[in-house]
Amino acid sequence: MLEIREFETMGALQQAMGQDELVDFLHTHLGRFGDDKASISRCVDYAVGGKSGTGGFILTGHEPDGRMVGALVMNETGMKGYIPENILVYVAVDASCRGKGYGGTICRHAMEKADGDVKLHVEYDNPAKRLYERLGFTNKYAEMRWNAD
């Protein structure tokens, strides 16, 4: 059975594990589909840092022995209607625990906890894309980006 722990403040996260431990876990287990540690840390700050105009939450999944085997970061967008209210930015499961349903359990918990609609970005060749489709996510738009660099 997977135990889900919820964090809505940096204080609660720091008391349980610390931001660095969470960032290291996500960086390791997102692999090539992830971002650098500084970007992941900024996302965590946005979710639970308590700054005005930001928000969200973090979920972690733990096996009965207490070992963290999954983590998720949800950011609130502050928008409604034309942009979903939430963006699921990161979800990762320890590579040694994949295929046990942990990713789906953590995502379903996040979708129930989120206030409003949820969007996410996933690369076409990411195996997690199938999980998101099974959870009911649909491909509504093609994302296009212009980079100032």
N, C-alpha and C. Protein backbone atom coordinates (compact mmCIF):
# COMPACT_ATOMS: atom_id res chain seq x y z
N MET A 1 0.85 -1.18 0.00
CA MET A 1 0.00 0.00 0.00
C MET A 1 0.89 1.24 0.00
N LEU A 2 0.56 2.18 -0.83
CA LEU A 2 1.33 3.42 -0.94
C LEU A 2 0.74 4.48 -0.02
N GLU A 3 1.58 5.06 0.83
CA GLU A 3 1.15 6.16 1.69
C GLU A 3 1.45 7.46 0.97
N ILE A 4 0.44 8.31 0.83
CA ILE A 4 0.60 9.61 0.20
C ILE A 4 0.72 10.68 1.29
N ARG A 5 1.77 11.49 1.19
CA ARG A 5 1.95 12.61 2.11
C ARG A 5 1.78 13.91 1.34
N GLU A 6 1.07 14.86 1.93
CA GLU A 6 0.77 16.14 1.28
C GLU A 6 1.54 17.27 1.96
N PHE A 7 2.05 18.18 1.13
CA PHE A 7 2.76 19.36 1.63
C PHE A 7 2.23 20.60 0.94
N GLU A 8 1.81 21.56 1.74
CA GLU A 8 1.29 22.82 1.20
C GLU A 8 2.12 24.02 1.62
N THR A 9 3.11 23.80 2.49
CA THR A 9 3.98 24.88 2.93
C THR A 9 5.42 24.40 2.92
N MET A 10 6.34 25.34 2.75
CA MET A 10 7.76 25.00 2.78
C MET A 10 8.15 24.48 4.15
N GLY A 11 7.55 25.05 5.20
CA GLY A 11 7.86 24.59 6.56
C GLY A 11 7.54 23.12 6.75
N ALA A 12 6.39 22.69 6.26
CA ALA A 12 6.01 21.28 6.38
C ALA A 12 6.95 20.39 5.57
N LEU A 13 7.31 20.84 4.38
CA LEU A 13 8.24 20.06 3.56
C LEU A 13 9.61 19.97 4.24
N GLN A 14 10.10 21.09 4.76
CA GLN A 14 11.42 21.11 5.41
C GLN A 14 11.42 20.21 6.65
N GLN A 15 10.31 20.19 7.36
CA GLN A 15 10.22 19.36 8.56
C GLN A 15 10.26 17.88 8.20
N ALA A 16 9.65 17.50 7.07
CA ALA A 16 9.55 16.10 6.69
C ALA A 16 10.81 15.58 6.01
N MET A 17 11.40 16.40 5.12
CA MET A 17 12.53 15.87 4.36
C MET A 17 13.51 16.92 3.88
N GLY A 18 13.07 18.11 3.70
CA GLY A 18 13.94 19.14 3.14
C GLY A 18 13.77 19.26 1.64
N GLN A 19 13.90 20.46 1.16
CA GLN A 19 13.73 20.74 -0.26
C GLN A 19 14.79 20.03 -1.10
N ASP A 20 16.02 19.99 -0.62
CA ASP A 20 17.09 19.37 -1.41
C ASP A 20 16.83 17.90 -1.67
N GLU A 21 16.32 17.19 -0.66
CA GLU A 21 16.03 15.76 -0.84
C GLU A 21 14.96 15.56 -1.91
N LEU A 22 13.93 16.39 -1.88
CA LEU A 22 12.87 16.29 -2.88
C LEU A 22 13.42 16.62 -4.27
N VAL A 23 14.17 17.70 -4.38
CA VAL A 23 14.73 18.11 -5.67
C VAL A 23 15.65 17.02 -6.21
N ASP A 24 16.50 16.45 -5.36
CA ASP A 24 17.39 15.37 -5.80
C ASP A 24 16.60 14.17 -6.30
N PHE A 25 15.54 13.80 -5.58
CA PHE A 25 14.71 12.67 -5.99
C PHE A 25 14.11 12.93 -7.37
N LEU A 26 13.49 14.09 -7.54
CA LEU A 26 12.86 14.41 -8.82
C LEU A 26 13.90 14.46 -9.94
N HIS A 27 15.02 15.10 -9.70
CA HIS A 27 16.06 15.21 -10.73
C HIS A 27 16.54 13.82 -11.15
N THR A 28 16.75 12.96 -10.20
CA THR A 28 17.23 11.59 -10.49
C THR A 28 16.19 10.79 -11.27
N HIS A 29 14.95 10.81 -10.80
CA HIS A 29 13.96 9.88 -11.35
C HIS A 29 13.16 10.43 -12.53
N LEU A 30 13.27 11.73 -12.80
CA LEU A 30 12.70 12.26 -14.04
C LEU A 30 13.61 11.94 -15.22
N GLY A 31 14.87 11.76 -14.94
CA GLY A 31 15.83 11.40 -15.99
C GLY A 31 15.85 12.42 -17.12
N ARG A 32 15.85 11.92 -18.33
CA ARG A 32 15.96 12.81 -19.50
C ARG A 32 14.72 13.65 -19.73
N PHE A 33 13.62 13.34 -19.03
CA PHE A 33 12.39 14.12 -19.18
C PHE A 33 12.29 15.24 -18.14
N GLY A 34 13.31 15.41 -17.34
CA GLY A 34 13.29 16.41 -16.29
C GLY A 34 14.07 17.66 -16.64
N ASP A 35 14.24 18.49 -15.64
CA ASP A 35 14.95 19.76 -15.77
C ASP A 35 16.15 19.74 -14.84
N ASP A 36 16.92 20.81 -14.90
CA ASP A 36 18.06 20.93 -13.99
C ASP A 36 17.53 21.18 -12.57
N LYS A 37 18.41 20.95 -11.58
CA LYS A 37 18.00 21.07 -10.18
C LYS A 37 17.53 22.48 -9.82
N ALA A 38 18.14 23.50 -10.39
CA ALA A 38 17.73 24.87 -10.08
C ALA A 38 16.30 25.13 -10.53
N SER A 39 15.92 24.62 -11.70
CA SER A 39 14.56 24.80 -12.20
C SER A 39 13.56 24.03 -11.34
N ILE A 40 13.91 22.81 -10.97
CA ILE A 40 13.03 22.02 -10.11
C ILE A 40 12.84 22.73 -8.77
N SER A 41 13.91 23.27 -8.24
CA SER A 41 13.84 23.98 -6.96
C SER A 41 12.93 25.21 -7.06
N ARG A 42 13.01 25.95 -8.16
CA ARG A 42 12.13 27.11 -8.34
C ARG A 42 10.66 26.67 -8.41
N CYS A 43 10.41 25.55 -9.04
CA CYS A 43 9.04 25.02 -9.12
C CYS A 43 8.52 24.65 -7.74
N VAL A 44 9.36 24.02 -6.94
CA VAL A 44 8.98 23.67 -5.56
C VAL A 44 8.70 24.94 -4.77
N ASP A 45 9.56 25.95 -4.92
CA ASP A 45 9.34 27.24 -4.25
C ASP A 45 8.00 27.84 -4.65
N TYR A 46 7.66 27.77 -5.94
CA TYR A 46 6.40 28.31 -6.43
C TYR A 46 5.23 27.60 -5.76
N ALA A 47 5.33 26.28 -5.65
CA ALA A 47 4.22 25.49 -5.11
C ALA A 47 4.00 25.73 -3.62
N VAL A 48 5.07 25.76 -2.84
CA VAL A 48 4.90 25.79 -1.38
C VAL A 48 5.67 26.91 -0.69
N GLY A 49 6.26 27.82 -1.44
CA GLY A 49 7.08 28.87 -0.85
C GLY A 49 6.30 29.97 -0.17
N GLY A 50 5.01 30.09 -0.46
CA GLY A 50 4.18 31.06 0.24
C GLY A 50 4.26 32.48 -0.29
N LYS A 51 4.85 32.68 -1.45
CA LYS A 51 4.92 34.02 -2.02
C LYS A 51 3.57 34.40 -2.62
N SER A 52 3.23 35.67 -2.54
CA SER A 52 1.98 36.16 -3.10
C SER A 52 1.91 35.86 -4.60
N GLY A 53 0.76 35.39 -5.06
CA GLY A 53 0.55 35.10 -6.46
C GLY A 53 1.04 33.74 -6.90
N THR A 54 1.52 32.93 -5.95
CA THR A 54 1.97 31.58 -6.28
C THR A 54 1.20 30.59 -5.42
N GLY A 55 1.37 29.33 -5.69
CA GLY A 55 0.72 28.32 -4.86
C GLY A 55 0.74 26.97 -5.53
N GLY A 56 0.21 26.02 -4.81
CA GLY A 56 0.16 24.65 -5.28
C GLY A 56 0.37 23.70 -4.12
N PHE A 57 0.88 22.52 -4.44
CA PHE A 57 1.15 21.53 -3.40
C PHE A 57 2.12 20.49 -3.93
N ILE A 58 2.64 19.72 -3.00
CA ILE A 58 3.56 18.63 -3.30
C ILE A 58 3.00 17.37 -2.66
N LEU A 59 3.09 16.27 -3.38
CA LEU A 59 2.72 14.96 -2.85
C LEU A 59 3.95 14.06 -2.93
N THR A 60 4.13 13.23 -1.91
CA THR A 60 5.14 12.19 -1.98
C THR A 60 4.48 10.86 -1.68
N GLY A 61 4.98 9.81 -2.29
CA GLY A 61 4.48 8.47 -2.06
C GLY A 61 5.53 7.63 -1.37
N HIS A 62 5.10 6.88 -0.34
CA HIS A 62 6.04 6.12 0.47
C HIS A 62 5.56 4.69 0.62
N GLU A 63 6.51 3.76 0.51
CA GLU A 63 6.22 2.35 0.78
C GLU A 63 6.06 2.17 2.29
N PRO A 64 5.53 1.02 2.73
CA PRO A 64 5.30 0.81 4.17
C PRO A 64 6.53 1.01 5.04
N ASP A 65 7.73 0.79 4.50
CA ASP A 65 8.94 0.99 5.30
C ASP A 65 9.34 2.46 5.40
N GLY A 66 8.55 3.37 4.77
CA GLY A 66 8.80 4.79 4.83
C GLY A 66 9.62 5.34 3.68
N ARG A 67 10.18 4.47 2.84
CA ARG A 67 11.01 4.92 1.72
C ARG A 67 10.18 5.68 0.70
N MET A 68 10.66 6.87 0.32
CA MET A 68 9.97 7.65 -0.71
C MET A 68 10.21 6.98 -2.06
N VAL A 69 9.11 6.71 -2.77
CA VAL A 69 9.21 6.05 -4.08
C VAL A 69 8.55 6.87 -5.18
N GLY A 70 7.94 8.00 -4.82
CA GLY A 70 7.32 8.85 -5.82
C GLY A 70 7.12 10.25 -5.30
N ALA A 71 7.05 11.19 -6.24
CA ALA A 71 6.83 12.60 -5.86
C ALA A 71 6.14 13.33 -7.00
N LEU A 72 5.37 14.35 -6.64
CA LEU A 72 4.61 15.14 -7.60
C LEU A 72 4.60 16.59 -7.14
N VAL A 73 4.73 17.51 -8.10
CA VAL A 73 4.63 18.94 -7.81
C VAL A 73 3.53 19.52 -8.68
N MET A 74 2.55 20.16 -8.04
CA MET A 74 1.44 20.82 -8.73
C MET A 74 1.54 22.31 -8.46
N ASN A 75 1.51 23.11 -9.52
CA ASN A 75 1.49 24.56 -9.38
C ASN A 75 0.11 25.08 -9.75
N GLU A 76 -0.38 26.06 -8.99
CA GLU A 76 -1.62 26.76 -9.34
C GLU A 76 -1.28 27.84 -10.35
N THR A 77 -2.08 27.97 -11.39
CA THR A 77 -1.81 28.96 -12.43
C THR A 77 -2.41 30.32 -12.12
N GLY A 78 -3.42 30.35 -11.25
CA GLY A 78 -4.10 31.61 -10.98
C GLY A 78 -5.07 31.99 -12.09
N MET A 79 -5.35 31.08 -12.97
CA MET A 79 -6.24 31.35 -14.11
C MET A 79 -7.39 30.35 -14.09
N LYS A 80 -8.42 30.66 -14.81
CA LYS A 80 -9.56 29.76 -14.89
C LYS A 80 -10.22 29.93 -16.24
N GLY A 81 -10.62 28.82 -16.81
CA GLY A 81 -11.35 28.88 -18.08
C GLY A 81 -10.44 28.75 -19.28
N TYR A 82 -9.71 29.81 -19.58
CA TYR A 82 -8.89 29.77 -20.79
C TYR A 82 -7.57 29.03 -20.56
N ILE A 83 -7.14 28.94 -19.33
CA ILE A 83 -5.99 28.13 -18.93
C ILE A 83 -6.44 27.34 -17.69
N PRO A 84 -6.17 26.03 -17.63
CA PRO A 84 -6.55 25.30 -16.42
C PRO A 84 -5.94 25.91 -15.17
N GLU A 85 -6.64 25.73 -14.07
CA GLU A 85 -6.24 26.33 -12.79
C GLU A 85 -4.96 25.73 -12.22
N ASN A 86 -4.58 24.55 -12.69
CA ASN A 86 -3.43 23.84 -12.14
C ASN A 86 -2.59 23.25 -13.26
N ILE A 87 -1.28 23.21 -13.01
CA ILE A 87 -0.39 22.51 -13.94
C ILE A 87 0.41 21.49 -13.15
N LEU A 88 0.30 20.26 -13.55
CA LEU A 88 1.08 19.18 -12.96
C LEU A 88 2.47 19.29 -13.61
N VAL A 89 3.42 19.82 -12.86
CA VAL A 89 4.73 20.12 -13.43
C VAL A 89 5.64 18.91 -13.41
N TYR A 90 5.73 18.24 -12.28
CA TYR A 90 6.62 17.08 -12.16
C TYR A 90 5.91 15.93 -11.47
N VAL A 91 6.10 14.75 -12.00
CA VAL A 91 5.74 13.52 -11.30
C VAL A 91 6.80 12.49 -11.66
N ALA A 92 7.34 11.85 -10.63
CA ALA A 92 8.38 10.85 -10.85
C ALA A 92 8.19 9.70 -9.89
N VAL A 93 8.54 8.52 -10.37
CA VAL A 93 8.52 7.31 -9.55
C VAL A 93 9.92 6.71 -9.62
N ASP A 94 10.41 6.25 -8.48
CA ASP A 94 11.70 5.59 -8.41
C ASP A 94 11.74 4.51 -9.50
N ALA A 95 12.80 4.50 -10.27
CA ALA A 95 12.92 3.57 -11.40
C ALA A 95 12.77 2.12 -10.96
N SER A 96 13.19 1.79 -9.74
CA SER A 96 13.10 0.41 -9.26
C SER A 96 11.68 0.02 -8.87
N CYS A 97 10.74 0.98 -8.86
CA CYS A 97 9.37 0.72 -8.41
C CYS A 97 8.34 0.96 -9.51
N ARG A 98 8.78 1.21 -10.71
CA ARG A 98 7.82 1.48 -11.79
C ARG A 98 7.07 0.21 -12.15
N GLY A 99 5.84 0.39 -12.62
CA GLY A 99 5.01 -0.75 -12.99
C GLY A 99 4.15 -1.27 -11.85
N LYS A 100 4.20 -0.63 -10.70
CA LYS A 100 3.41 -1.05 -9.54
C LYS A 100 2.15 -0.21 -9.36
N GLY A 101 1.93 0.76 -10.24
CA GLY A 101 0.75 1.61 -10.12
C GLY A 101 0.96 2.84 -9.25
N TYR A 102 2.17 3.08 -8.80
CA TYR A 102 2.43 4.21 -7.91
C TYR A 102 2.20 5.55 -8.62
N GLY A 103 2.64 5.66 -9.85
CA GLY A 103 2.44 6.91 -10.58
C GLY A 103 0.97 7.25 -10.72
N GLY A 104 0.15 6.27 -11.07
CA GLY A 104 -1.28 6.48 -11.19
C GLY A 104 -1.92 6.86 -9.87
N THR A 105 -1.50 6.20 -8.79
CA THR A 105 -2.04 6.50 -7.47
C THR A 105 -1.74 7.94 -7.07
N ILE A 106 -0.50 8.36 -7.27
CA ILE A 106 -0.10 9.72 -6.90
C ILE A 106 -0.85 10.73 -7.77
N CYS A 107 -0.95 10.47 -9.07
CA CYS A 107 -1.64 11.41 -9.97
C CYS A 107 -3.13 11.52 -9.64
N ARG A 108 -3.79 10.39 -9.38
CA ARG A 108 -5.22 10.44 -9.02
C ARG A 108 -5.42 11.24 -7.74
N HIS A 109 -4.55 11.04 -6.76
CA HIS A 109 -4.65 11.80 -5.51
C HIS A 109 -4.51 13.29 -5.80
N ALA A 110 -3.57 13.64 -6.66
CA ALA A 110 -3.35 15.05 -7.00
C ALA A 110 -4.56 15.64 -7.71
N MET A 111 -5.16 14.89 -8.61
CA MET A 111 -6.31 15.39 -9.36
C MET A 111 -7.51 15.61 -8.43
N GLU A 112 -7.66 14.75 -7.43
CA GLU A 112 -8.73 14.92 -6.45
C GLU A 112 -8.46 16.12 -5.55
N LYS A 113 -7.21 16.36 -5.22
CA LYS A 113 -6.84 17.45 -4.32
C LYS A 113 -6.87 18.81 -5.03
N ALA A 114 -6.56 18.83 -6.31
CA ALA A 114 -6.48 20.10 -7.05
C ALA A 114 -7.84 20.77 -7.09
N ASP A 115 -7.83 22.07 -6.96
CA ASP A 115 -9.05 22.86 -7.05
C ASP A 115 -9.19 23.34 -8.50
N GLY A 116 -9.96 22.60 -9.30
CA GLY A 116 -10.15 22.97 -10.70
C GLY A 116 -9.47 22.01 -11.65
N ASP A 117 -9.40 22.43 -12.91
CA ASP A 117 -8.82 21.60 -13.97
C ASP A 117 -7.31 21.52 -13.84
N VAL A 118 -6.75 20.48 -14.45
CA VAL A 118 -5.31 20.22 -14.40
C VAL A 118 -4.80 20.02 -15.82
N LYS A 119 -3.66 20.64 -16.11
CA LYS A 119 -2.98 20.37 -17.38
C LYS A 119 -1.58 19.90 -17.07
N LEU A 120 -0.95 19.30 -18.07
CA LEU A 120 0.44 18.90 -17.96
C LEU A 120 1.06 18.92 -19.35
N HIS A 121 2.37 18.94 -19.38
CA HIS A 121 3.11 18.82 -20.63
C HIS A 121 3.85 17.50 -20.59
N VAL A 122 3.81 16.77 -21.69
CA VAL A 122 4.52 15.50 -21.76
C VAL A 122 5.09 15.36 -23.17
N GLU A 123 6.33 14.90 -23.25
CA GLU A 123 6.94 14.67 -24.55
C GLU A 123 6.29 13.45 -25.19
N TYR A 124 6.19 13.49 -26.51
CA TYR A 124 5.50 12.41 -27.22
C TYR A 124 6.12 11.04 -26.97
N ASP A 125 7.43 10.97 -26.77
CA ASP A 125 8.08 9.68 -26.58
C ASP A 125 8.25 9.29 -25.11
N ASN A 126 7.62 10.03 -24.20
CA ASN A 126 7.70 9.71 -22.78
C ASN A 126 6.73 8.56 -22.49
N PRO A 127 7.21 7.44 -21.95
CA PRO A 127 6.31 6.32 -21.65
C PRO A 127 5.17 6.70 -20.70
N ALA A 128 5.34 7.74 -19.88
CA ALA A 128 4.28 8.17 -18.96
C ALA A 128 3.07 8.71 -19.70
N LYS A 129 3.22 9.05 -20.98
CA LYS A 129 2.11 9.58 -21.77
C LYS A 129 0.92 8.61 -21.74
N ARG A 130 1.18 7.33 -21.80
CA ARG A 130 0.09 6.33 -21.75
C ARG A 130 -0.64 6.38 -20.40
N LEU A 131 0.10 6.56 -19.31
CA LEU A 131 -0.52 6.70 -18.00
C LEU A 131 -1.46 7.89 -17.98
N TYR A 132 -1.00 9.02 -18.47
CA TYR A 132 -1.83 10.23 -18.45
C TYR A 132 -3.09 10.04 -19.29
N GLU A 133 -2.98 9.36 -20.41
CA GLU A 133 -4.16 9.09 -21.24
C GLU A 133 -5.14 8.18 -20.50
N ARG A 134 -4.63 7.17 -19.80
CA ARG A 134 -5.51 6.28 -19.01
C ARG A 134 -6.21 7.05 -17.90
N LEU A 135 -5.56 8.09 -17.38
CA LEU A 135 -6.15 8.89 -16.31
C LEU A 135 -7.18 9.89 -16.83
N GLY A 136 -7.29 10.01 -18.16
CA GLY A 136 -8.30 10.89 -18.74
C GLY A 136 -7.77 12.17 -19.35
N PHE A 137 -6.45 12.37 -19.34
CA PHE A 137 -5.89 13.54 -19.99
C PHE A 137 -6.02 13.38 -21.50
N THR A 138 -6.34 14.47 -22.17
CA THR A 138 -6.44 14.47 -23.63
C THR A 138 -5.45 15.46 -24.21
N ASN A 139 -5.13 15.27 -25.46
CA ASN A 139 -4.19 16.14 -26.17
C ASN A 139 -5.00 17.21 -26.88
N LYS A 140 -5.13 18.38 -26.24
CA LYS A 140 -5.96 19.44 -26.79
C LYS A 140 -5.18 20.37 -27.71
N TYR A 141 -3.92 20.64 -27.40
CA TYR A 141 -3.13 21.59 -28.16
C TYR A 141 -1.74 21.03 -28.40
N ALA A 142 -1.10 21.55 -29.44
CA ALA A 142 0.33 21.35 -29.61
C ALA A 142 1.01 22.56 -28.99
N GLU A 143 1.94 22.32 -28.09
CA GLU A 143 2.64 23.44 -27.46
C GLU A 143 3.74 23.94 -28.38
N MET A 144 3.81 25.24 -28.52
CA MET A 144 4.88 25.85 -29.30
C MET A 144 5.54 26.90 -28.41
N ARG A 145 6.84 27.03 -28.53
CA ARG A 145 7.58 27.96 -27.69
C ARG A 145 8.49 28.83 -28.53
N TRP A 146 8.67 30.05 -28.10
CA TRP A 146 9.67 30.93 -28.63
C TRP A 146 10.60 31.26 -27.49
N ASN A 147 11.88 31.02 -27.67
CA ASN A 147 12.86 31.26 -26.62
C ASN A 147 13.63 32.53 -26.90
N ALA A 148 13.72 33.40 -25.91
CA ALA A 148 14.39 34.69 -26.06
C ALA A 148 15.88 34.53 -26.29
N ASP A 149 16.46 33.41 -25.92
CA ASP A 149 17.89 33.21 -26.13
C ASP A 149 18.12 33.03 -27.59
